[in-house]
Amino acid sequence: MPTALEQVTKDAMDLPPRQKLALAEFLMESADAGADPEAEAAWDSEIRDRIRAIDAGRVTEVSYEAVMHAAEQRLMP
């Protein structure tokens, strides 16, 4: 007999793509509800540093489309 997690996972995998995304977003938001304030502060600092690096021209931006294409190429057999 499958565990509750295994059953939920199986059911989730049968959802249409948009519903999977909505479920994933809900789960991510619920996981963040008890986030560590120090971790949040560290992420805020990291985000500011990355924005400064882009503004200063120290790094190059990569479009969402390019990132998704590269990810698909790596994940697709």
PDB file of N, CA and C in Angstrom:
ATOM      1  N   MET A   1       0.849  -1.180   0.000  1.00  0.00           N
ATOM      2  CA  MET A   1       0.000   0.000   0.000  1.00  0.00           C
ATOM      3  C   MET A   1       0.888   1.234   0.000  1.00  0.00           C
ATOM      4  N   PRO A   2       0.640   2.176  -0.933  1.00  0.00           N
ATOM      5  CA  PRO A   2       1.488   3.371  -1.002  1.00  0.00           C
ATOM      6  C   PRO A   2       1.265   4.285   0.204  1.00  0.00           C
ATOM      7  N   THR A   3       2.322   5.012   0.528  1.00  0.00           N
ATOM      8  CA  THR A   3       2.203   5.988   1.606  1.00  0.00           C
ATOM      9  C   THR A   3       1.389   7.179   1.104  1.00  0.00           C
ATOM     10  N   ALA A   4       0.970   8.028   2.027  1.00  0.00           N
ATOM     11  CA  ALA A   4       0.193   9.213   1.653  1.00  0.00           C
ATOM     12  C   ALA A   4       0.995  10.091   0.689  1.00  0.00           C
ATOM     13  N   LEU A   5       2.299  10.266   0.968  1.00  0.00           N
ATOM     14  CA  LEU A   5       3.125  11.092   0.099  1.00  0.00           C
ATOM     15  C   LEU A   5       3.224  10.494  -1.300  1.00  0.00           C
ATOM     16  N   GLU A   6       3.413   9.186  -1.373  1.00  0.00           N
ATOM     17  CA  GLU A   6       3.491   8.528  -2.687  1.00  0.00           C
ATOM     18  C   GLU A   6       2.190   8.710  -3.458  1.00  0.00           C
ATOM     19  N   GLN A   7       1.059   8.605  -2.775  1.00  0.00           N
ATOM     20  CA  GLN A   7      -0.235   8.747  -3.450  1.00  0.00           C
ATOM     21  C   GLN A   7      -0.448  10.184  -3.916  1.00  0.00           C
ATOM     22  N   VAL A   8      -0.109  11.134  -3.064  1.00  0.00           N
ATOM     23  CA  VAL A   8      -0.255  12.541  -3.444  1.00  0.00           C
ATOM     24  C   VAL A   8       0.651  12.854  -4.631  1.00  0.00           C
ATOM     25  N   THR A   9       1.865  12.345  -4.596  1.00  0.00           N
ATOM     26  CA  THR A   9       2.804  12.568  -5.697  1.00  0.00           C
ATOM     27  C   THR A   9       2.270  11.980  -6.994  1.00  0.00           C
ATOM     28  N   LYS A  10       1.756  10.760  -6.930  1.00  0.00           N
ATOM     29  CA  LYS A  10       1.184  10.121  -8.119  1.00  0.00           C
ATOM     30  C   LYS A  10       0.016  10.942  -8.658  1.00  0.00           C
ATOM     31  N   ASP A  11      -0.856  11.376  -7.760  1.00  0.00           N
ATOM     32  CA  ASP A  11      -2.000  12.184  -8.184  1.00  0.00           C
ATOM     33  C   ASP A  11      -1.546  13.504  -8.799  1.00  0.00           C
ATOM     34  N   ALA A  12      -0.535  14.129  -8.203  1.00  0.00           N
ATOM     35  CA  ALA A  12      -0.028  15.396  -8.713  1.00  0.00           C
ATOM     36  C   ALA A  12       0.566  15.230 -10.106  1.00  0.00           C
ATOM     37  N   MET A  13       1.247  14.123 -10.345  1.00  0.00           N
ATOM     38  CA  MET A  13       1.858  13.889 -11.655  1.00  0.00           C
ATOM     39  C   MET A  13       0.813  13.695 -12.753  1.00  0.00           C
ATOM     40  N   ASP A  14      -0.399  13.350 -12.365  1.00  0.00           N
ATOM     41  CA  ASP A  14      -1.476  13.170 -13.345  1.00  0.00           C
ATOM     42  C   ASP A  14      -2.191  14.478 -13.682  1.00  0.00           C
ATOM     43  N   LEU A  15      -1.854  15.567 -12.993  1.00  0.00           N
ATOM     44  CA  LEU A  15      -2.496  16.852 -13.250  1.00  0.00           C
ATOM     45  C   LEU A  15      -2.033  17.443 -14.572  1.00  0.00           C
ATOM     46  N   PRO A  16      -2.870  18.276 -15.178  1.00  0.00           N
ATOM     47  CA  PRO A  16      -2.427  19.018 -16.369  1.00  0.00           C
ATOM     48  C   PRO A  16      -1.306  19.990 -15.972  1.00  0.00           C
ATOM     49  N   PRO A  17      -0.481  20.387 -16.926  1.00  0.00           N
ATOM     50  CA  PRO A  17       0.670  21.245 -16.619  1.00  0.00           C
ATOM     51  C   PRO A  17       0.340  22.501 -15.815  1.00  0.00           C
ATOM     52  N   ARG A  18      -0.704  23.217 -16.163  1.00  0.00           N
ATOM     53  CA  ARG A  18      -1.033  24.455 -15.442  1.00  0.00           C
ATOM     54  C   ARG A  18      -1.412  24.174 -13.991  1.00  0.00           C
ATOM     55  N   GLN A  19      -2.097  23.075 -13.748  1.00  0.00           N
ATOM     56  CA  GLN A  19      -2.458  22.726 -12.384  1.00  0.00           C
ATOM     57  C   GLN A  19      -1.230  22.278 -11.589  1.00  0.00           C
ATOM     58  N   LYS A  20      -0.297  21.604 -12.258  1.00  0.00           N
ATOM     59  CA  LYS A  20       0.961  21.242 -11.592  1.00  0.00           C
ATOM     60  C   LYS A  20       1.697  22.498 -11.139  1.00  0.00           C
ATOM     61  N   LEU A  21       1.746  23.485 -12.026  1.00  0.00           N
ATOM     62  CA  LEU A  21       2.427  24.738 -11.704  1.00  0.00           C
ATOM     63  C   LEU A  21       1.738  25.435 -10.541  1.00  0.00           C
ATOM     64  N   ALA A  22       0.412  25.488 -10.559  1.00  0.00           N
ATOM     65  CA  ALA A  22      -0.328  26.116  -9.468  1.00  0.00           C
ATOM     66  C   ALA A  22      -0.058  25.391  -8.151  1.00  0.00           C
ATOM     67  N   LEU A  23      -0.025  24.070  -8.190  1.00  0.00           N
ATOM     68  CA  LEU A  23       0.271  23.286  -6.984  1.00  0.00           C
ATOM     69  C   LEU A  23       1.684  23.575  -6.493  1.00  0.00           C
ATOM     70  N   ALA A  24       2.635  23.619  -7.413  1.00  0.00           N
ATOM     71  CA  ALA A  24       4.028  23.890  -7.043  1.00  0.00           C
ATOM     72  C   ALA A  24       4.156  25.276  -6.398  1.00  0.00           C
ATOM     73  N   GLU A  25       3.489  26.267  -6.980  1.00  0.00           N
ATOM     74  CA  GLU A  25       3.536  27.612  -6.412  1.00  0.00           C
ATOM     75  C   GLU A  25       2.936  27.629  -5.008  1.00  0.00           C
ATOM     76  N   PHE A  26       1.802  26.944  -4.839  1.00  0.00           N
ATOM     77  CA  PHE A  26       1.169  26.879  -3.527  1.00  0.00           C
ATOM     78  C   PHE A  26       2.101  26.233  -2.508  1.00  0.00           C
ATOM     79  N   LEU A  27       2.741  25.131  -2.899  1.00  0.00           N
ATOM     80  CA  LEU A  27       3.638  24.434  -1.976  1.00  0.00           C
ATOM     81  C   LEU A  27       4.855  25.290  -1.629  1.00  0.00           C
ATOM     82  N   MET A  28       5.396  26.001  -2.618  1.00  0.00           N
ATOM     83  CA  MET A  28       6.550  26.860  -2.358  1.00  0.00           C
ATOM     84  C   MET A  28       6.169  27.994  -1.409  1.00  0.00           C
ATOM     85  N   GLU A  29       5.009  28.595  -1.629  1.00  0.00           N
ATOM     86  CA  GLU A  29       4.570  29.669  -0.748  1.00  0.00           C
ATOM     87  C   GLU A  29       4.338  29.157   0.674  1.00  0.00           C
ATOM     88  N   SER A  30       3.752  27.972   0.783  1.00  0.00           N
ATOM     89  CA  SER A  30       3.487  27.441   2.120  1.00  0.00           C
ATOM     90  C   SER A  30       4.792  27.068   2.823  1.00  0.00           C
ATOM     91  N   ALA A  31       5.789  26.650   2.068  1.00  0.00           N
ATOM     92  CA  ALA A  31       7.088  26.316   2.659  1.00  0.00           C
ATOM     93  C   ALA A  31       7.797  27.577   3.142  1.00  0.00           C
ATOM     94  N   ASP A  32       7.571  28.693   2.445  1.00  0.00           N
ATOM     95  CA  ASP A  32       8.209  29.952   2.827  1.00  0.00           C
ATOM     96  C   ASP A  32       7.569  30.585   4.053  1.00  0.00           C
ATOM     97  N   ALA A  33       6.387  30.117   4.432  1.00  0.00           N
ATOM     98  CA  ALA A  33       5.659  30.732   5.545  1.00  0.00           C
ATOM     99  C   ALA A  33       6.484  30.739   6.824  1.00  0.00           C
ATOM    100  N   GLY A  34       7.283  29.711   7.043  1.00  0.00           N
ATOM    101  CA  GLY A  34       8.093  29.654   8.255  1.00  0.00           C
ATOM    102  C   GLY A  34       9.553  29.935   7.983  1.00  0.00           C
ATOM    103  N   ALA A  35       9.819  30.755   6.966  1.00  0.00           N
ATOM    104  CA  ALA A  35      11.195  31.007   6.552  1.00  0.00           C
ATOM    105  C   ALA A  35      12.005  31.671   7.659  1.00  0.00           C
ATOM    106  N   ASP A  36      13.268  31.381   7.649  1.00  0.00           N
ATOM    107  CA  ASP A  36      14.224  31.929   8.608  1.00  0.00           C
ATOM    108  C   ASP A  36      14.513  33.390   8.245  1.00  0.00           C
ATOM    109  N   PRO A  37      14.289  34.323   9.169  1.00  0.00           N
ATOM    110  CA  PRO A  37      14.536  35.743   8.868  1.00  0.00           C
ATOM    111  C   PRO A  37      15.976  36.025   8.444  1.00  0.00           C
ATOM    112  N   GLU A  38      16.933  35.299   9.006  1.00  0.00           N
ATOM    113  CA  GLU A  38      18.333  35.500   8.609  1.00  0.00           C
ATOM    114  C   GLU A  38      18.557  35.053   7.166  1.00  0.00           C
ATOM    115  N   ALA A  39      17.922  33.951   6.794  1.00  0.00           N
ATOM    116  CA  ALA A  39      18.039  33.469   5.418  1.00  0.00           C
ATOM    117  C   ALA A  39      17.392  34.463   4.462  1.00  0.00           C
ATOM    118  N   GLU A  40      16.242  34.998   4.840  1.00  0.00           N
ATOM    119  CA  GLU A  40      15.563  35.999   4.009  1.00  0.00           C
ATOM    120  C   GLU A  40      16.455  37.229   3.817  1.00  0.00           C
ATOM    121  N   ALA A  41      17.091  37.672   4.881  1.00  0.00           N
ATOM    122  CA  ALA A  41      17.985  38.828   4.797  1.00  0.00           C
ATOM    123  C   ALA A  41      19.171  38.530   3.889  1.00  0.00           C
ATOM    124  N   ALA A  42      19.700  37.318   3.976  1.00  0.00           N
ATOM    125  CA  ALA A  42      20.826  36.925   3.122  1.00  0.00           C
ATOM    126  C   ALA A  42      20.404  36.913   1.653  1.00  0.00           C
ATOM    127  N   TRP A  43      19.204  36.405   1.378  1.00  0.00           N
ATOM    128  CA  TRP A  43      18.712  36.398  -0.011  1.00  0.00           C
ATOM    129  C   TRP A  43      18.505  37.820  -0.506  1.00  0.00           C
ATOM    130  N   ASP A  44      17.940  38.686   0.335  1.00  0.00           N
ATOM    131  CA  ASP A  44      17.748  40.082  -0.061  1.00  0.00           C
ATOM    132  C   ASP A  44      19.078  40.729  -0.417  1.00  0.00           C
ATOM    133  N   SER A  45      20.099  40.462   0.377  1.00  0.00           N
ATOM    134  CA  SER A  45      21.432  41.007   0.116  1.00  0.00           C
ATOM    135  C   SER A  45      21.989  40.458  -1.200  1.00  0.00           C
ATOM    136  N   GLU A  46      21.812  39.163  -1.414  1.00  0.00           N
ATOM    137  CA  GLU A  46      22.291  38.530  -2.652  1.00  0.00           C
ATOM    138  C   GLU A  46      21.604  39.136  -3.877  1.00  0.00           C
ATOM    139  N   ILE A  47      20.303  39.339  -3.765  1.00  0.00           N
ATOM    140  CA  ILE A  47      19.557  39.928  -4.885  1.00  0.00           C
ATOM    141  C   ILE A  47      20.067  41.332  -5.186  1.00  0.00           C
ATOM    142  N   ARG A  48      20.266  42.140  -4.139  1.00  0.00           N
ATOM    143  CA  ARG A  48      20.793  43.494  -4.343  1.00  0.00           C
ATOM    144  C   ARG A  48      22.176  43.446  -5.000  1.00  0.00           C
ATOM    145  N   ASP A  49      23.029  42.532  -4.545  1.00  0.00           N
ATOM    146  CA  ASP A  49      24.371  42.399  -5.126  1.00  0.00           C
ATOM    147  C   ASP A  49      24.298  42.021  -6.601  1.00  0.00           C
ATOM    148  N   ARG A  50      23.395  41.127  -6.930  1.00  0.00           N
ATOM    149  CA  ARG A  50      23.263  40.710  -8.335  1.00  0.00           C
ATOM    150  C   ARG A  50      22.748  41.850  -9.205  1.00  0.00           C
ATOM    151  N   ILE A  51      21.797  42.612  -8.692  1.00  0.00           N
ATOM    152  CA  ILE A  51      21.287  43.755  -9.449  1.00  0.00           C
ATOM    153  C   ILE A  51      22.399  44.771  -9.680  1.00  0.00           C
ATOM    154  N   ARG A  52      23.192  45.036  -8.636  1.00  0.00           N
ATOM    155  CA  ARG A  52      24.319  45.970  -8.776  1.00  0.00           C
ATOM    156  C   ARG A  52      25.315  45.467  -9.825  1.00  0.00           C
ATOM    157  N   ALA A  53      25.580  44.162  -9.831  1.00  0.00           N
ATOM    158  CA  ALA A  53      26.526  43.589 -10.794  1.00  0.00           C
ATOM    159  C   ALA A  53      26.012  43.757 -12.220  1.00  0.00           C
ATOM    160  N   ILE A  54      24.717  43.570 -12.409  1.00  0.00           N
ATOM    161  CA  ILE A  54      24.131  43.768 -13.743  1.00  0.00           C
ATOM    162  C   ILE A  54      24.224  45.233 -14.138  1.00  0.00           C
ATOM    163  N   ASP A  55      23.812  46.115 -13.214  1.00  0.00           N
ATOM    164  CA  ASP A  55      23.846  47.554 -13.509  1.00  0.00           C
ATOM    165  C   ASP A  55      25.250  48.042 -13.819  1.00  0.00           C
ATOM    166  N   ALA A  56      26.248  47.458 -13.165  1.00  0.00           N
ATOM    167  CA  ALA A  56      27.636  47.873 -13.383  1.00  0.00           C
ATOM    168  C   ALA A  56      28.260  47.199 -14.602  1.00  0.00           C
ATOM    169  N   GLY A  57      27.536  46.258 -15.223  1.00  0.00           N
ATOM    170  CA  GLY A  57      28.057  45.579 -16.407  1.00  0.00           C
ATOM    171  C   GLY A  57      29.068  44.496 -16.100  1.00  0.00           C
ATOM    172  N   ARG A  58      29.133  44.041 -14.850  1.00  0.00           N
ATOM    173  CA  ARG A  58      30.087  42.992 -14.479  1.00  0.00           C
ATOM    174  C   ARG A  58      29.611  41.601 -14.890  1.00  0.00           C
ATOM    175  N   VAL A  59      28.330  41.444 -15.135  1.00  0.00           N
ATOM    176  CA  VAL A  59      27.783  40.160 -15.576  1.00  0.00           C
ATOM    177  C   VAL A  59      26.864  40.398 -16.763  1.00  0.00           C
ATOM    178  N   THR A  60      26.612  39.350 -17.501  1.00  0.00           N
ATOM    179  CA  THR A  60      25.730  39.463 -18.653  1.00  0.00           C
ATOM    180  C   THR A  60      24.393  38.824 -18.337  1.00  0.00           C
ATOM    181  N   GLU A  61      23.361  39.459 -18.797  1.00  0.00           N
ATOM    182  CA  GLU A  61      22.020  38.919 -18.588  1.00  0.00           C
ATOM    183  C   GLU A  61      21.760  37.784 -19.569  1.00  0.00           C
ATOM    184  N   VAL A  62      20.947  36.828 -19.142  1.00  0.00           N
ATOM    185  CA  VAL A  62      20.509  35.730 -20.001  1.00  0.00           C
ATOM    186  C   VAL A  62      18.993  35.761 -19.981  1.00  0.00           C
ATOM    187  N   SER A  63      18.385  35.743 -21.154  1.00  0.00           N
ATOM    188  CA  SER A  63      16.924  35.829 -21.217  1.00  0.00           C
ATOM    189  C   SER A  63      16.272  34.575 -20.649  1.00  0.00           C
ATOM    190  N   TYR A  64      15.057  34.748 -20.184  1.00  0.00           N
ATOM    191  CA  TYR A  64      14.264  33.629 -19.675  1.00  0.00           C
ATOM    192  C   TYR A  64      14.167  32.539 -20.741  1.00  0.00           C
ATOM    193  N   GLU A  65      13.914  32.944 -21.971  1.00  0.00           N
ATOM    194  CA  GLU A  65      13.763  31.989 -23.065  1.00  0.00           C
ATOM    195  C   GLU A  65      15.035  31.167 -23.263  1.00  0.00           C
ATOM    196  N   ALA A  66      16.179  31.823 -23.190  1.00  0.00           N
ATOM    197  CA  ALA A  66      17.449  31.118 -23.358  1.00  0.00           C
ATOM    198  C   ALA A  66      17.684  30.127 -22.222  1.00  0.00           C
ATOM    199  N   VAL A  67      17.359  30.538 -21.009  1.00  0.00           N
ATOM    200  CA  VAL A  67      17.519  29.645 -19.865  1.00  0.00           C
ATOM    201  C   VAL A  67      16.596  28.434 -20.002  1.00  0.00           C
ATOM    202  N   MET A  68      15.340  28.674 -20.357  1.00  0.00           N
ATOM    203  CA  MET A  68      14.391  27.578 -20.495  1.00  0.00           C
ATOM    204  C   MET A  68      14.796  26.634 -21.631  1.00  0.00           C
ATOM    205  N   HIS A  69      15.284  27.185 -22.727  1.00  0.00           N
ATOM    206  CA  HIS A  69      15.733  26.351 -23.843  1.00  0.00           C
ATOM    207  C   HIS A  69      16.907  25.470 -23.413  1.00  0.00           C
ATOM    208  N   ALA A  70      17.860  26.054 -22.720  1.00  0.00           N
ATOM    209  CA  ALA A  70      19.017  25.284 -22.248  1.00  0.00           C
ATOM    210  C   ALA A  70      18.579  24.193 -21.267  1.00  0.00           C
ATOM    211  N   ALA A  71      17.636  24.523 -20.387  1.00  0.00           N
ATOM    212  CA  ALA A  71      17.143  23.526 -19.423  1.00  0.00           C
ATOM    213  C   ALA A  71      16.442  22.386 -20.142  1.00  0.00           C
ATOM    214  N   GLU A  72      15.618  22.724 -21.123  1.00  0.00           N
ATOM    215  CA  GLU A  72      14.920  21.685 -21.888  1.00  0.00           C
ATOM    216  C   GLU A  72      15.916  20.780 -22.603  1.00  0.00           C
ATOM    217  N   GLN A  73      16.957  21.372 -23.165  1.00  0.00           N
ATOM    218  CA  GLN A  73      17.966  20.576 -23.873  1.00  0.00           C
ATOM    219  C   GLN A  73      18.668  19.591 -22.927  1.00  0.00           C
ATOM    220  N   ARG A  74      18.895  20.031 -21.698  1.00  0.00           N
ATOM    221  CA  ARG A  74      19.569  19.167 -20.717  1.00  0.00           C
ATOM    222  C   ARG A  74      18.652  18.081 -20.189  1.00  0.00           C
ATOM    223  N   LEU A  75      17.356  18.399 -20.062  1.00  0.00           N
ATOM    224  CA  LEU A  75      16.420  17.464 -19.444  1.00  0.00           C
ATOM    225  C   LEU A  75      15.782  16.494 -20.430  1.00  0.00           C
ATOM    226  N   MET A  76      15.737  16.876 -21.676  1.00  0.00           N
ATOM    227  CA  MET A  76      15.109  15.999 -22.676  1.00  0.00           C
ATOM    228  C   MET A  76      16.121  14.957 -23.155  1.00  0.00           C
ATOM    229  N   PRO A  77      15.684  13.719 -23.215  1.00  0.00           N
ATOM    230  CA  PRO A  77      16.622  12.673 -23.694  1.00  0.00           C
ATOM    231  C   PRO A  77      16.897  12.793 -25.174  1.00  0.00           C
TER     232      PRO A  77
END
